[in-house]
C-alpha atoms as a PDB file:
ATOM      1  CA  LEU A   1      -1.258   4.888  21.190  1.00  0.00           C
ATOM      2  CA  LEU A   2      -0.578   1.645  22.835  1.00  0.00           C
ATOM      3  CA  GLY A   3       2.904   0.790  23.489  1.00  0.00           C
ATOM      4  CA  ALA A   4       5.057  -2.298  23.775  1.00  0.00           C
ATOM      5  CA  SER A   5       3.920  -2.825  27.579  1.00  0.00           C
ATOM      6  CA  CYS A   6       0.505  -3.400  26.305  1.00  0.00           C
ATOM      7  CA  LEU A   7       1.479  -6.337  23.809  1.00  0.00           C
ATOM      8  CA  SER A   8       1.811  -9.104  26.339  1.00  0.00           C
ATOM      9  CA  ALA A   9      -1.799  -9.699  26.257  1.00  0.00           C
ATOM     10  CA  MET A  10      -2.124 -10.435  22.574  1.00  0.00           C
ATOM     11  CA  PRO A  11      -1.859 -13.666  20.767  1.00  0.00           C
ATOM     12  CA  ALA A  12       1.287 -15.136  19.141  1.00  0.00           C
ATOM     13  CA  LEU A  13       1.949 -13.479  15.705  1.00  0.00           C
ATOM     14  CA  THR A  14       2.601 -15.561  12.431  1.00  0.00           C
ATOM     15  CA  ALA A  15       2.876 -14.362   8.830  1.00  0.00           C
ATOM     16  CA  ALA A  16       1.209 -16.324   5.933  1.00  0.00           C
ATOM     17  CA  GLU A  17       3.261 -17.921   3.275  1.00  0.00           C
ATOM     18  CA  PRO A  18       1.833 -17.556  -0.448  1.00  0.00           C
ATOM     19  CA  LYS A  19      -0.787 -19.833  -1.219  1.00  0.00           C
ATOM     20  CA  ALA A  20      -2.320 -20.778  -4.709  1.00  0.00           C
ATOM     21  CA  ASP A  21      -5.821 -19.828  -3.796  1.00  0.00           C
ATOM     22  CA  ASP A  22      -7.617 -17.671  -1.403  1.00  0.00           C
ATOM     23  CA  PRO A  23      -8.230 -18.701   2.005  1.00  0.00           C
ATOM     24  CA  PRO A  24     -11.670 -20.598   2.275  1.00  0.00           C
ATOM     25  CA  HIS A  25     -13.385 -17.986   4.366  1.00  0.00           C
ATOM     26  CA  LEU A  26     -12.795 -15.412   1.576  1.00  0.00           C
ATOM     27  CA  ARG A  27     -13.864 -17.393  -1.172  1.00  0.00           C
ATOM     28  CA  PRO A  28     -17.303 -16.491  -2.324  1.00  0.00           C
ATOM     29  CA  SER A  29     -20.036 -18.822  -2.826  1.00  0.00           C
ATOM     30  CA  PRO A  30     -20.626 -20.315  -6.222  1.00  0.00           C
ATOM     31  CA  ASP A  31     -23.650 -17.948  -6.995  1.00  0.00           C
ATOM     32  CA  SER A  32     -21.970 -14.784  -5.420  1.00  0.00           C
ATOM     33  CA  THR A  33     -20.816 -11.990  -7.510  1.00  0.00           C
ATOM     34  CA  GLN A  34     -18.742 -10.409  -4.602  1.00  0.00           C
ATOM     35  CA  ASP A  35     -15.017  -9.463  -5.887  1.00  0.00           C
ATOM     36  CA  THR A  36     -15.851  -9.926  -9.456  1.00  0.00           C
ATOM     37  CA  ALA A  37     -16.834  -7.846 -12.540  1.00  0.00           C
ATOM     38  CA  ASP A  38     -20.394  -8.689 -12.199  1.00  0.00           C
ATOM     39  CA  GLU A  39     -20.854  -7.378  -8.451  1.00  0.00           C
ATOM     40  CA  PRO A  40     -23.297  -4.449  -8.633  1.00  0.00           C
ATOM     41  CA  PHE A  41     -22.183  -0.875  -7.898  1.00  0.00           C
ATOM     42  CA  ILE A  42     -23.029   0.836  -4.510  1.00  0.00           C
ATOM     43  CA  GLY A  43     -24.830   3.892  -6.506  1.00  0.00           C
ATOM     44  CA  LYS A  44     -23.156   6.593  -4.107  1.00  0.00           C
ATOM     45  CA  PHE A  45     -19.754   6.719  -2.824  1.00  0.00           C
ATOM     46  CA  SER A  46     -19.635   5.721   0.709  1.00  0.00           C
ATOM     47  CA  ALA A  47     -16.615   6.081   2.954  1.00  0.00           C
ATOM     48  CA  GLN A  48     -18.457   4.060   5.749  1.00  0.00           C
ATOM     49  CA  ALA A  49     -19.100   1.009   3.204  1.00  0.00           C
ATOM     50  CA  ALA A  50     -15.336   1.421   2.198  1.00  0.00           C
ATOM     51  CA  ALA A  51     -14.254   1.274   5.823  1.00  0.00           C
ATOM     52  CA  ALA A  52     -16.495  -1.961   6.358  1.00  0.00           C
ATOM     53  CA  TYR A  53     -14.904  -3.567   3.386  1.00  0.00           C
ATOM     54  CA  LEU A  54     -11.266  -2.808   4.707  1.00  0.00           C
ATOM     55  CA  ASP A  55     -12.247  -4.108   8.340  1.00  0.00           C
ATOM     56  CA  SER A  56     -13.433  -7.655   6.933  1.00  0.00           C
ATOM     57  CA  ARG A  57     -10.245  -8.003   5.148  1.00  0.00           C
ATOM     58  CA  ALA A  58      -7.776  -6.677   7.692  1.00  0.00           C
ATOM     59  CA  HIS A  59      -5.955  -9.952   7.988  1.00  0.00           C
ATOM     60  CA  LEU A  60      -6.787 -12.118   5.426  1.00  0.00           C
ATOM     61  CA  VAL A  61      -5.756 -15.460   6.719  1.00  0.00           C
ATOM     62  CA  GLY A  62      -6.783 -15.148  10.114  1.00  0.00           C
ATOM     63  CA  LYS A  63      -6.641 -12.788  13.205  1.00  0.00           C
ATOM     64  CA  ASN A  64      -3.150 -13.616  14.227  1.00  0.00           C
ATOM     65  CA  CYS A  65      -1.735 -13.714  10.812  1.00  0.00           C
ATOM     66  CA  TYR A  66       0.143 -10.864   8.875  1.00  0.00           C
ATOM     67  CA  ALA A  67       0.677 -10.432   5.162  1.00  0.00           C
ATOM     68  CA  CYS A  68       1.871  -7.861   2.874  1.00  0.00           C
ATOM     69  CA  HIS A  69      -1.303  -7.678   1.102  1.00  0.00           C
ATOM     70  CA  SER A  70      -3.696  -7.464   3.820  1.00  0.00           C
ATOM     71  CA  THR A  71      -2.387  -5.955   7.185  1.00  0.00           C
ATOM     72  CA  PHE A  72       0.095  -3.537   5.178  1.00  0.00           C
ATOM     73  CA  THR A  73      -2.527  -2.357   2.958  1.00  0.00           C
ATOM     74  CA  TYR A  74      -5.392  -2.318   5.548  1.00  0.00           C
ATOM     75  CA  LEU A  75      -3.674   0.199   8.027  1.00  0.00           C
ATOM     76  CA  PRO A  76      -2.948   3.043   5.677  1.00  0.00           C
ATOM     77  CA  GLY A  77      -6.154   2.955   3.791  1.00  0.00           C
ATOM     78  CA  ARG A  78      -8.383   2.417   6.929  1.00  0.00           C
ATOM     79  CA  SER A  79      -6.569   5.188   9.039  1.00  0.00           C
ATOM     80  CA  VAL A  80      -7.463   8.092   6.471  1.00  0.00           C
ATOM     81  CA  ILE A  81     -11.048   7.193   7.164  1.00  0.00           C
ATOM     82  CA  ASP A  82     -10.656   6.996  10.996  1.00  0.00           C
ATOM     83  CA  PRO A  83      -7.059   6.498  12.569  1.00  0.00           C
ATOM     84  CA  LEU A  84      -8.497   5.369  15.882  1.00  0.00           C
ATOM     85  CA  ALA A  85     -11.117   2.890  14.676  1.00  0.00           C
ATOM     86  CA  PRO A  86     -11.090  -0.115  16.792  1.00  0.00           C
ATOM     87  CA  GLY A  87      -9.575  -2.436  13.863  1.00  0.00           C
ATOM     88  CA  VAL A  88      -7.032   0.129  13.063  1.00  0.00           C
ATOM     89  CA  MET A  89      -5.759   0.132  16.910  1.00  0.00           C
ATOM     90  CA  GLU A  90      -5.846  -3.727  17.009  1.00  0.00           C
ATOM     91  CA  THR A  91      -3.553  -3.818  14.051  1.00  0.00           C
ATOM     92  CA  ARG A  92      -1.529  -1.110  15.622  1.00  0.00           C
ATOM     93  CA  VAL A  93      -1.167  -3.202  18.747  1.00  0.00           C
ATOM     94  CA  LEU A  94      -0.138  -6.221  16.956  1.00  0.00           C
ATOM     95  CA  LEU A  95       2.219  -4.579  14.758  1.00  0.00           C
ATOM     96  CA  GLU A  96       3.985  -3.012  17.708  1.00  0.00           C
ATOM     97  CA  ARG A  97       4.149  -6.519  19.360  1.00  0.00           C
ATOM     98  CA  LEU A  98       5.678  -8.052  16.113  1.00  0.00           C
ATOM     99  CA  THR A  99       8.118  -5.145  15.827  1.00  0.00           C
ATOM    100  CA  ALA A 100       9.175  -5.514  19.252  1.00  0.00           C
ATOM    101  CA  ARG A 101       9.990  -9.247  18.823  1.00  0.00           C
ATOM    102  CA  CYS A 102      11.797  -8.744  15.782  1.00  0.00           C
ATOM    103  CA  LEU A 103      14.171  -6.079  17.582  1.00  0.00           C
ATOM    104  CA  ASP A 104      14.668  -8.555  20.570  1.00  0.00           C
ATOM    105  CA  LYS A 105      17.033 -11.172  19.376  1.00  0.00           C
ATOM    106  CA  SER A 106      15.778 -13.403  22.308  1.00  0.00           C
ATOM    107  CA  GLN A 107      12.197 -13.273  21.052  1.00  0.00           C
ATOM    108  CA  LEU A 108      13.071 -13.214  17.180  1.00  0.00           C
ATOM    109  CA  PRO A 109      12.664 -16.929  16.916  1.00  0.00           C
ATOM    110  CA  GLN A 110       9.016 -16.782  17.757  1.00  0.00           C
ATOM    111  CA  VAL A 111       8.301 -14.733  14.512  1.00  0.00           C
ATOM    112  CA  LYS A 112       7.041 -17.353  12.221  1.00  0.00           C
ATOM    113  CA  THR A 113       7.824 -16.207   8.773  1.00  0.00           C
ATOM    114  CA  TYR A 114      10.389 -16.841   5.932  1.00  0.00           C
ATOM    115  CA  HIS A 115      10.054 -13.261   5.000  1.00  0.00           C
ATOM    116  CA  ILE A 116      10.970 -11.515   8.255  1.00  0.00           C
ATOM    117  CA  ASN A 117      12.984  -8.771   7.006  1.00  0.00           C
ATOM    118  CA  GLN A 118      10.344  -7.743   4.564  1.00  0.00           C
ATOM    119  CA  VAL A 119       7.606  -7.764   7.176  1.00  0.00           C
ATOM    120  CA  ARG A 120       9.900  -5.761   9.615  1.00  0.00           C
ATOM    121  CA  ILE A 121      10.336  -3.105   6.856  1.00  0.00           C
ATOM    122  CA  LEU A 122       6.507  -2.970   6.162  1.00  0.00           C
ATOM    123  CA  ALA A 123       5.707  -2.870   9.817  1.00  0.00           C
ATOM    124  CA  ALA A 124       7.978   0.107  10.527  1.00  0.00           C
ATOM    125  CA  LEU A 125       6.589   2.097   7.517  1.00  0.00           C
ATOM    126  CA  GLU A 126       2.933   1.700   8.660  1.00  0.00           C
ATOM    127  CA  LEU A 127       3.450   2.527  12.256  1.00  0.00           C
ATOM    128  CA  ALA A 128       5.393   5.747  11.035  1.00  0.00           C
ATOM    129  CA  ARG A 129       2.425   6.669   8.831  1.00  0.00           C
ATOM    130  CA  HIS A 130       0.148   5.954  11.638  1.00  0.00           C
ATOM    131  CA  ASP A 131       2.005   7.834  14.054  1.00  0.00           C
ATOM    132  CA  ALA A 132       1.715  10.728  11.406  1.00  0.00           C
ATOM    133  CA  VAL A 133      -2.020  10.764  11.271  1.00  0.00           C
ATOM    134  CA  THR A 134      -2.756  10.146  15.190  1.00  0.00           C
ATOM    135  CA  THR A 135      -0.304  11.892  17.697  1.00  0.00           C
ATOM    136  CA  GLY A 136       1.996  13.580  15.176  1.00  0.00           C
ATOM    137  CA  LYS A 137       4.776  12.307  17.580  1.00  0.00           C
ATOM    138  CA  LEU A 138       7.267   9.498  16.515  1.00  0.00           C
ATOM    139  CA  GLN A 139       7.023   6.662  19.075  1.00  0.00           C
ATOM    140  CA  PRO A 140      10.152   5.219  20.478  1.00  0.00           C
ATOM    141  CA  LEU A 141       9.397   1.659  19.062  1.00  0.00           C
ATOM    142  CA  THR A 142       8.650   3.246  15.547  1.00  0.00           C
ATOM    143  CA  ARG A 143      11.857   5.061  15.605  1.00  0.00           C
ATOM    144  CA  GLN A 144      13.755   1.934  16.495  1.00  0.00           C
ATOM    145  CA  ALA A 145      11.908  -0.048  13.720  1.00  0.00           C
ATOM    146  CA  LEU A 146      12.809   2.615  11.069  1.00  0.00           C
ATOM    147  CA  ASP A 147      16.519   2.815  12.367  1.00  0.00           C
ATOM    148  CA  ALA A 148      16.483  -0.909  11.750  1.00  0.00           C
ATOM    149  CA  ILE A 149      15.559  -0.662   8.232  1.00  0.00           C
ATOM    150  CA  TRP A 150      18.923   0.990   7.172  1.00  0.00           C
ATOM    151  CA  THR A 151      20.622  -2.223   8.571  1.00  0.00           C
ATOM    152  CA  LEU A 152      18.674  -4.184   6.072  1.00  0.00           C
ATOM    153  CA  GLN A 153      19.534  -1.897   3.005  1.00  0.00           C
ATOM    154  CA  LEU A 154      21.806  -3.345   0.378  1.00  0.00           C
ATOM    155  CA  ALA A 155      24.934  -1.374  -0.804  1.00  0.00           C
ATOM    156  CA  ASP A 156      23.105  -0.297  -3.900  1.00  0.00           C
ATOM    157  CA  GLY A 157      20.491   1.592  -1.884  1.00  0.00           C
ATOM    158  CA  SER A 158      17.672  -1.307  -2.457  1.00  0.00           C
ATOM    159  CA  VAL A 159      16.417  -4.062  -0.054  1.00  0.00           C
ATOM    160  CA  LYS A 160      16.186  -7.796  -0.351  1.00  0.00           C
ATOM    161  CA  TRP A 161      12.528  -8.235  -1.602  1.00  0.00           C
ATOM    162  CA  LEU A 162      10.304 -11.083  -2.786  1.00  0.00           C
ATOM    163  CA  HIS A 163      10.095 -11.732  -6.529  1.00  0.00           C
ATOM    164  CA  VAL A 164       7.590 -14.444  -6.597  1.00  0.00           C
ATOM    165  CA  GLY A 165       5.575 -12.913  -9.546  1.00  0.00           C
ATOM    166  CA  GLU A 166       2.641 -11.651  -7.343  1.00  0.00           C
ATOM    167  CA  ALA A 167       2.174  -8.281  -8.608  1.00  0.00           C
ATOM    168  CA  PRO A 168       2.128  -5.469  -8.019  1.00  0.00           C
ATOM    169  CA  GLN A 169       3.767  -5.948  -4.547  1.00  0.00           C
ATOM    170  CA  ALA A 170       6.144  -9.056  -5.101  1.00  0.00           C
ATOM    171  CA  VAL A 171       7.578  -8.522  -8.567  1.00  0.00           C
ATOM    172  CA  ASP A 172      10.515  -6.331  -8.543  1.00  0.00           C
ATOM    173  CA  ASP A 173      12.388  -3.894  -6.091  1.00  0.00           C
ATOM    174  CA  TYR A 174      10.335  -0.739  -7.135  1.00  0.00           C
ATOM    175  CA  TRP A 175       7.567  -1.598  -4.654  1.00  0.00           C
ATOM    176  CA  PRO A 176       9.698  -1.649  -1.441  1.00  0.00           C
ATOM    177  CA  VAL A 177      11.865   1.542  -2.464  1.00  0.00           C
ATOM    178  CA  GLY A 178       8.666   3.315  -3.169  1.00  0.00           C
ATOM    179  CA  MET A 179       7.295   2.191  -0.061  1.00  0.00           C
ATOM    180  CA  ILE A 180      10.236   3.113   2.051  1.00  0.00           C
ATOM    181  CA  ALA A 181      10.458   6.557   0.665  1.00  0.00           C
ATOM    182  CA  LEU A 182       6.721   7.124   1.479  1.00  0.00           C
ATOM    183  CA  GLY A 183       6.813   5.749   4.863  1.00  0.00           C
ATOM    184  CA  VAL A 184      10.293   7.489   5.906  1.00  0.00           C
ATOM    185  CA  GLY A 185       9.155  10.644   4.247  1.00  0.00           C
ATOM    186  CA  SER A 186       5.900  10.767   6.189  1.00  0.00           C
ATOM    187  CA  ALA A 187       7.266  10.017   9.648  1.00  0.00           C
ATOM    188  CA  PRO A 188       6.578  12.719  12.038  1.00  0.00           C
ATOM    189  CA  GLU A 189       9.293  14.884  13.906  1.00  0.00           C
ATOM    190  CA  ASN A 190      11.532  14.927  10.905  1.00  0.00           C
ATOM    191  CA  TYR A 191      12.870  11.669  11.123  1.00  0.00           C
ATOM    192  CA  SER A 192      14.041  11.840   7.651  1.00  0.00           C
ATOM    193  CA  GLN A 193      16.467  14.415   8.651  1.00  0.00           C
ATOM    194  CA  THR A 194      18.141  12.263  11.228  1.00  0.00           C
ATOM    195  CA  ASP A 195      21.754  11.145  10.349  1.00  0.00           C
ATOM    196  CA  LYS A 196      20.748   7.395   9.649  1.00  0.00           C
ATOM    197  CA  ALA A 197      17.618   8.426   7.521  1.00  0.00           C
ATOM    198  CA  LYS A 198      19.649  10.818   5.536  1.00  0.00           C
ATOM    199  CA  ALA A 199      22.163   8.453   4.664  1.00  0.00           C
ATOM    200  CA  GLY A 200      19.908   5.541   3.707  1.00  0.00           C
ATOM    201  CA  LEU A 201      17.568   8.048   1.750  1.00  0.00           C
ATOM    202  CA  GLU A 202      20.540   9.262  -0.213  1.00  0.00           C
ATOM    203  CA  LYS A 203      21.436   5.555  -1.200  1.00  0.00           C
ATOM    204  CA  LEU A 204      17.700   5.102  -2.031  1.00  0.00           C
ATOM    205  CA  ARG A 205      17.888   7.885  -4.278  1.00  0.00           C
ATOM    206  CA  GLY A 206      21.111   6.643  -5.907  1.00  0.00           C
ATOM    207  CA  TRP A 207      19.275   3.240  -6.703  1.00  0.00           C
ATOM    208  CA  LEU A 208      16.248   5.034  -8.315  1.00  0.00           C
ATOM    209  CA  ARG A 209      18.378   7.162 -10.525  1.00  0.00           C
ATOM    210  CA  ALA A 210      20.136   3.969 -11.678  1.00  0.00           C
ATOM    211  CA  HIS A 211      17.119   2.297 -12.522  1.00  0.00           C
ATOM    212  CA  PRO A 212      14.837   4.634 -14.433  1.00  0.00           C
ATOM    213  CA  PRO A 213      11.267   3.379 -14.522  1.00  0.00           C
ATOM    214  CA  LYS A 214      10.458   0.990 -17.650  1.00  0.00           C
ATOM    215  CA  ASN A 215       6.461   1.314 -17.039  1.00  0.00           C
ATOM    216  CA  HIS A 216       3.754   3.225 -15.918  1.00  0.00           C
ATOM    217  CA  HIS A 217       3.539   1.367 -12.553  1.00  0.00           C
ATOM    218  CA  GLU A 218       7.223   2.170 -11.819  1.00  0.00           C
ATOM    219  CA  ARG A 219       6.699   5.885 -13.011  1.00  0.00           C
ATOM    220  CA  GLY A 220       3.894   5.801 -10.356  1.00  0.00           C
ATOM    221  CA  LEU A 221       5.969   4.584  -7.560  1.00  0.00           C
ATOM    222  CA  THR A 222       8.658   7.020  -8.599  1.00  0.00           C
ATOM    223  CA  LEU A 223       6.247  10.034  -8.530  1.00  0.00           C
ATOM    224  CA  ILE A 224       5.176   8.786  -4.849  1.00  0.00           C
ATOM    225  CA  ALA A 225       8.807   8.410  -3.839  1.00  0.00           C
ATOM    226  CA  GLN A 226       9.733  12.183  -5.055  1.00  0.00           C
ATOM    227  CA  SER A 227       6.493  13.499  -3.397  1.00  0.00           C
ATOM    228  CA  ALA A 228       7.869  11.926  -0.049  1.00  0.00           C
ATOM    229  CA  ILE A 229      11.727  12.590  -0.044  1.00  0.00           C
ATOM    230  CA  ASP A 230      12.265  14.770  -3.133  1.00  0.00           C
ATOM    231  CA  GLY A 231      15.694  14.927  -4.891  1.00  0.00           C
ATOM    232  CA  LEU A 232      14.803  12.384  -7.460  1.00  0.00           C
ATOM    233  CA  LEU A 233      13.575  14.188 -10.434  1.00  0.00           C
ATOM    234  CA  ASN A 234      13.943  17.602 -11.968  1.00  0.00           C
ATOM    235  CA  ASP A 235      10.913  19.564 -12.889  1.00  0.00           C
ATOM    236  CA  GLU A 236      11.155  18.275 -16.223  1.00  0.00           C
ATOM    237  CA  GLN A 237      11.310  14.653 -15.579  1.00  0.00           C
ATOM    238  CA  ARG A 238       8.686  15.093 -13.174  1.00  0.00           C
ATOM    239  CA  ARG A 239       6.267  16.547 -15.856  1.00  0.00           C
ATOM    240  CA  GLN A 240       7.289  13.703 -18.168  1.00  0.00           C
ATOM    241  CA  HIS A 241       6.392  10.943 -15.697  1.00  0.00           C
ATOM    242  CA  ILE A 242       3.276  12.780 -15.128  1.00  0.00           C
ATOM    243  CA  GLU A 243       2.165  13.021 -18.729  1.00  0.00           C
ATOM    244  CA  GLN A 244       3.216   9.628 -19.452  1.00  0.00           C
ATOM    245  CA  LEU A 245       0.821   8.429 -16.756  1.00  0.00           C
ATOM    246  CA  PHE A 246      -2.103  10.433 -18.062  1.00  0.00           C
ATOM    247  CA  ALA A 247      -1.415   9.154 -21.630  1.00  0.00           C
ATOM    248  CA  SER A 248      -2.588   5.817 -20.403  1.00  0.00           C
ATOM    249  CA  GLN A 249      -5.664   7.020 -18.975  1.00  0.00           C
ATOM    250  CA  HIS A 250      -8.910   5.532 -20.646  1.00  0.00           C
ATOM    251  CA  GLU A 251     -11.852   7.782 -21.885  1.00  0.00           C
ATOM    252  CA  ASP A 252     -13.872   6.963 -18.813  1.00  0.00           C
ATOM    253  CA  GLY A 253     -11.020   8.505 -16.574  1.00  0.00           C
ATOM    254  CA  GLY A 254      -9.681   5.371 -15.184  1.00  0.00           C
ATOM    255  CA  TRP A 255      -6.748   3.090 -15.767  1.00  0.00           C
ATOM    256  CA  SER A 256      -6.479  -0.661 -15.867  1.00  0.00           C
ATOM    257  CA  LEU A 257      -4.096  -2.546 -13.888  1.00  0.00           C
ATOM    258  CA  ALA A 258      -2.729  -4.529 -16.780  1.00  0.00           C
ATOM    259  CA  GLY A 259      -2.202  -1.437 -18.588  1.00  0.00           C
ATOM    260  CA  LEU A 260       0.500  -0.263 -15.993  1.00  0.00           C
ATOM    261  CA  ALA A 261       2.941  -2.894 -16.651  1.00  0.00           C
ATOM    262  CA  PRO A 262       3.503  -6.057 -18.615  1.00  0.00           C
ATOM    263  CA  TRP A 263       2.301  -8.319 -15.703  1.00  0.00           C
ATOM    264  CA  GLN A 264       1.464 -12.092 -16.739  1.00  0.00           C
ATOM    265  CA  ARG A 265      -0.616 -14.667 -14.770  1.00  0.00           C
ATOM    266  CA  PRO A 266       1.242 -17.844 -14.083  1.00  0.00           C
ATOM    267  CA  ASP A 267      -1.863 -19.589 -15.413  1.00  0.00           C
ATOM    268  CA  LYS A 268      -1.581 -17.586 -18.721  1.00  0.00           C
ATOM    269  CA  LYS A 269      -5.076 -16.305 -18.660  1.00  0.00           C
ATOM    270  CA  PRO A 270      -5.259 -12.944 -20.540  1.00  0.00           C
ATOM    271  CA  LEU A 271      -5.315  -9.867 -18.542  1.00  0.00           C
ATOM    272  CA  ASP A 272      -7.630  -7.038 -19.348  1.00  0.00           C
ATOM    273  CA  THR A 273      -6.279  -3.812 -20.582  1.00  0.00           C
ATOM    274  CA  ILE A 274      -9.165  -2.083 -22.002  1.00  0.00           C
ATOM    275  CA  HIS A 275     -11.519  -1.669 -19.253  1.00  0.00           C
ATOM    276  CA  SER A 276     -10.703   0.469 -16.130  1.00  0.00           C
ATOM    277  CA  ASP A 277     -10.495  -1.286 -12.761  1.00  0.00           C
ATOM    278  CA  GLY A 278     -10.098  -0.259  -9.053  1.00  0.00           C
ATOM    279  CA  TYR A 279      -6.257  -0.953  -8.730  1.00  0.00           C
ATOM    280  CA  GLY A 280      -5.163   0.719 -11.926  1.00  0.00           C
ATOM    281  CA  THR A 281      -7.356   3.749 -11.508  1.00  0.00           C
ATOM    282  CA  ALA A 282      -6.909   4.041  -7.601  1.00  0.00           C
ATOM    283  CA  PHE A 283      -2.997   3.742  -7.765  1.00  0.00           C
ATOM    284  CA  ALA A 284      -2.717   6.100 -10.656  1.00  0.00           C
ATOM    285  CA  THR A 285      -4.825   8.797  -9.038  1.00  0.00           C
ATOM    286  CA  PHE A 286      -2.965   8.264  -5.680  1.00  0.00           C
ATOM    287  CA  ALA A 287       0.303   8.798  -7.606  1.00  0.00           C
ATOM    288  CA  LEU A 288      -0.824  11.985  -9.517  1.00  0.00           C
ATOM    289  CA  GLY A 289      -2.286  13.450  -6.469  1.00  0.00           C
ATOM    290  CA  ARG A 290       0.969  12.931  -4.461  1.00  0.00           C
ATOM    291  CA  SER A 291       2.836  14.609  -7.369  1.00  0.00           C
ATOM    292  CA  GLY A 292       1.103  17.814  -6.710  1.00  0.00           C
ATOM    293  CA  ILE A 293      -1.524  18.045  -9.270  1.00  0.00           C
ATOM    294  CA  SER A 294      -4.672  19.702  -8.221  1.00  0.00           C
ATOM    295  CA  PRO A 295      -7.927  17.547  -7.699  1.00  0.00           C
ATOM    296  CA  SER A 296      -9.609  20.148 -10.053  1.00  0.00           C
ATOM    297  CA  GLU A 297      -7.216  19.429 -12.882  1.00  0.00           C
ATOM    298  CA  PRO A 298      -9.546  18.007 -15.542  1.00  0.00           C
ATOM    299  CA  ARG A 299      -7.849  14.669 -16.163  1.00  0.00           C
ATOM    300  CA  LEU A 300      -7.456  14.118 -12.342  1.00  0.00           C
ATOM    301  CA  HIS A 301     -10.793  15.201 -11.822  1.00  0.00           C
ATOM    302  CA  ARG A 302     -12.120  12.562 -14.218  1.00  0.00           C
ATOM    303  CA  ALA A 303     -10.156   9.821 -12.322  1.00  0.00           C
ATOM    304  CA  ILE A 304     -11.711  10.908  -8.848  1.00  0.00           C
ATOM    305  CA  GLU A 305     -15.294  10.938 -10.388  1.00  0.00           C
ATOM    306  CA  TRP A 306     -14.431   7.428 -11.848  1.00  0.00           C
ATOM    307  CA  LEU A 307     -13.557   6.102  -8.321  1.00  0.00           C
ATOM    308  CA  LYS A 308     -16.707   7.761  -6.810  1.00  0.00           C
ATOM    309  CA  LYS A 309     -18.792   5.937  -9.309  1.00  0.00           C
ATOM    310  CA  ASN A 310     -17.150   2.407  -9.466  1.00  0.00           C
ATOM    311  CA  GLN A 311     -17.404   1.488  -5.847  1.00  0.00           C
ATOM    312  CA  ARG A 312     -18.911  -2.082  -5.481  1.00  0.00           C
ATOM    313  CA  ARG A 313     -21.993  -3.017  -3.097  1.00  0.00           C
ATOM    314  CA  THR A 314     -19.796  -4.556  -0.551  1.00  0.00           C
ATOM    315  CA  GLY A 315     -17.719  -1.280  -0.377  1.00  0.00           C
ATOM    316  CA  GLY A 316     -14.573  -2.096  -2.137  1.00  0.00           C
ATOM    317  CA  TRP A 317     -13.066  -1.474  -5.637  1.00  0.00           C
ATOM    318  CA  PHE A 318     -12.711  -4.626  -8.076  1.00  0.00           C
ATOM    319  CA  ALA A 319      -9.678  -5.376 -10.169  1.00  0.00           C
ATOM    320  CA  ALA A 320      -8.930  -8.732 -11.961  1.00  0.00           C
ATOM    321  CA  SER A 321      -5.687 -10.371 -10.265  1.00  0.00           C
ATOM    322  CA  PRO A 322      -2.377 -10.392 -12.415  1.00  0.00           C
ATOM    323  CA  PHE A 323      -1.560 -13.275  -9.986  1.00  0.00           C
ATOM    324  CA  LYS A 324      -4.160 -15.690  -8.686  1.00  0.00           C
ATOM    325  CA  ARG A 325      -5.849 -13.905  -5.774  1.00  0.00           C
ATOM    326  CA  ASP A 326      -8.979 -11.559  -7.170  1.00  0.00           C
ATOM    327  CA  ASN A 327      -9.662 -10.916  -3.392  1.00  0.00           C
ATOM    328  CA  ILE A 328      -6.241  -9.732  -2.512  1.00  0.00           C
ATOM    329  CA  ILE A 329      -5.807  -7.330  -5.453  1.00  0.00           C
ATOM    330  CA  SER A 330      -9.317  -5.895  -4.812  1.00  0.00           C
ATOM    331  CA  ASN A 331      -8.240  -5.278  -1.146  1.00  0.00           C
ATOM    332  CA  THR A 332      -5.277  -3.399  -2.243  1.00  0.00           C
ATOM    333  CA  ALA A 333      -7.048  -1.560  -4.872  1.00  0.00           C
ATOM    334  CA  THR A 334      -9.513  -0.403  -2.106  1.00  0.00           C
ATOM    335  CA  SER A 335      -6.882   0.644   0.154  1.00  0.00           C
ATOM    336  CA  PHE A 336      -5.378   2.932  -2.713  1.00  0.00           C
ATOM    337  CA  ALA A 337      -8.865   4.251  -3.700  1.00  0.00           C
ATOM    338  CA  VAL A 338      -9.560   5.481  -0.100  1.00  0.00           C
ATOM    339  CA  GLN A 339      -6.134   6.919  -0.024  1.00  0.00           C
ATOM    340  CA  ALA A 340      -6.485   8.747  -3.205  1.00  0.00           C
ATOM    341  CA  LEU A 341     -10.161  10.076  -2.504  1.00  0.00           C
ATOM    342  CA  ALA A 342      -8.750  11.189   0.941  1.00  0.00           C
ATOM    343  CA  LEU A 343      -5.728  12.940  -0.796  1.00  0.00           C
ATOM    344  CA  CYS A 344      -7.990  14.652  -3.114  1.00  0.00           C
ATOM    345  CA  GLY A 345     -10.431  15.946  -0.465  1.00  0.00           C
ATOM    346  CA  GLU A 346     -13.064  13.634  -0.866  1.00  0.00           C
ATOM    347  CA  ILE A 347     -12.886  11.852   2.573  1.00  0.00           C
ATOM    348  CA  GLN A 348     -12.454  14.002   5.716  1.00  0.00           C
ATOM    349  CA  PRO A 349     -10.790  11.788   8.386  1.00  0.00           C
ATOM    350  CA  ARG A 350     -12.513  11.683  11.695  1.00  0.00           C
ATOM    351  CA  ALA A 351     -10.905  13.802  14.399  1.00  0.00           C
END
């Protein structure tokens, strides 16, 4: 892996502020069906097409701009197809540079974002997950970044997060808590058993126990967290979460994003709770797969088949936005779809 010494050649790094609409270069032409419900299906599942889709969306607002819904969904999704792909390694190097600057008080002013602590947390988690699927060794910079997460943890065990109504990542505190559990639990070399991590994870568990899930999306995040760090649910609670998530599965084997939680768009446009979509199905499949359900279990098998049959021609999985950015939620859906399919044995990562 490329270390901090290689970062000086990379361009300056900034992070995007939320905008009302997608950036111009991602807006399809008026007659295009790309990233809409009308886009044709690919016909046969293709990991290569999914990789190409993710590569084209790695940094949604430009090559030196990092956003929660692009870079931090790109890296975990793309890495399960090929963890050493050029785009993955470029992202790795840029994230290392961002992290090095965040950890150096003299360079911190060069990081241009109002959400610096949120970006620091996500960068540390995705570097750790990438370490796990490449060298299997926790790189020194990754360890420093993970240790820094605990300095940002609040007394109740959560972290200060974005509540801007942009579901699913920036709605409540469940998303970062679930992602911290997944990233820290996935970190190699037993990082989760270090003193700092054990203390921080116990506070994280306390927050989750004090805030039982209120909807299916939170149940899914709880199952993901449980799979990564344990100690959150007893066997009966885990079974109940699994059954409640399966209870919202549609007849065709999928789930709808809008059926996972009572999200509302700012423009009050109605959300579709009837038809299955890419995010709802991919997220639920990933959460259930992480919970220990076998891919051969009939209900999970139906979900896997839905994902394989509903990939779009451009390589992604479509979901209508619960906010305003349809392209962004489809990007997140595609990341979860390839992670879910890899978890269930449908994608074999390149050695």
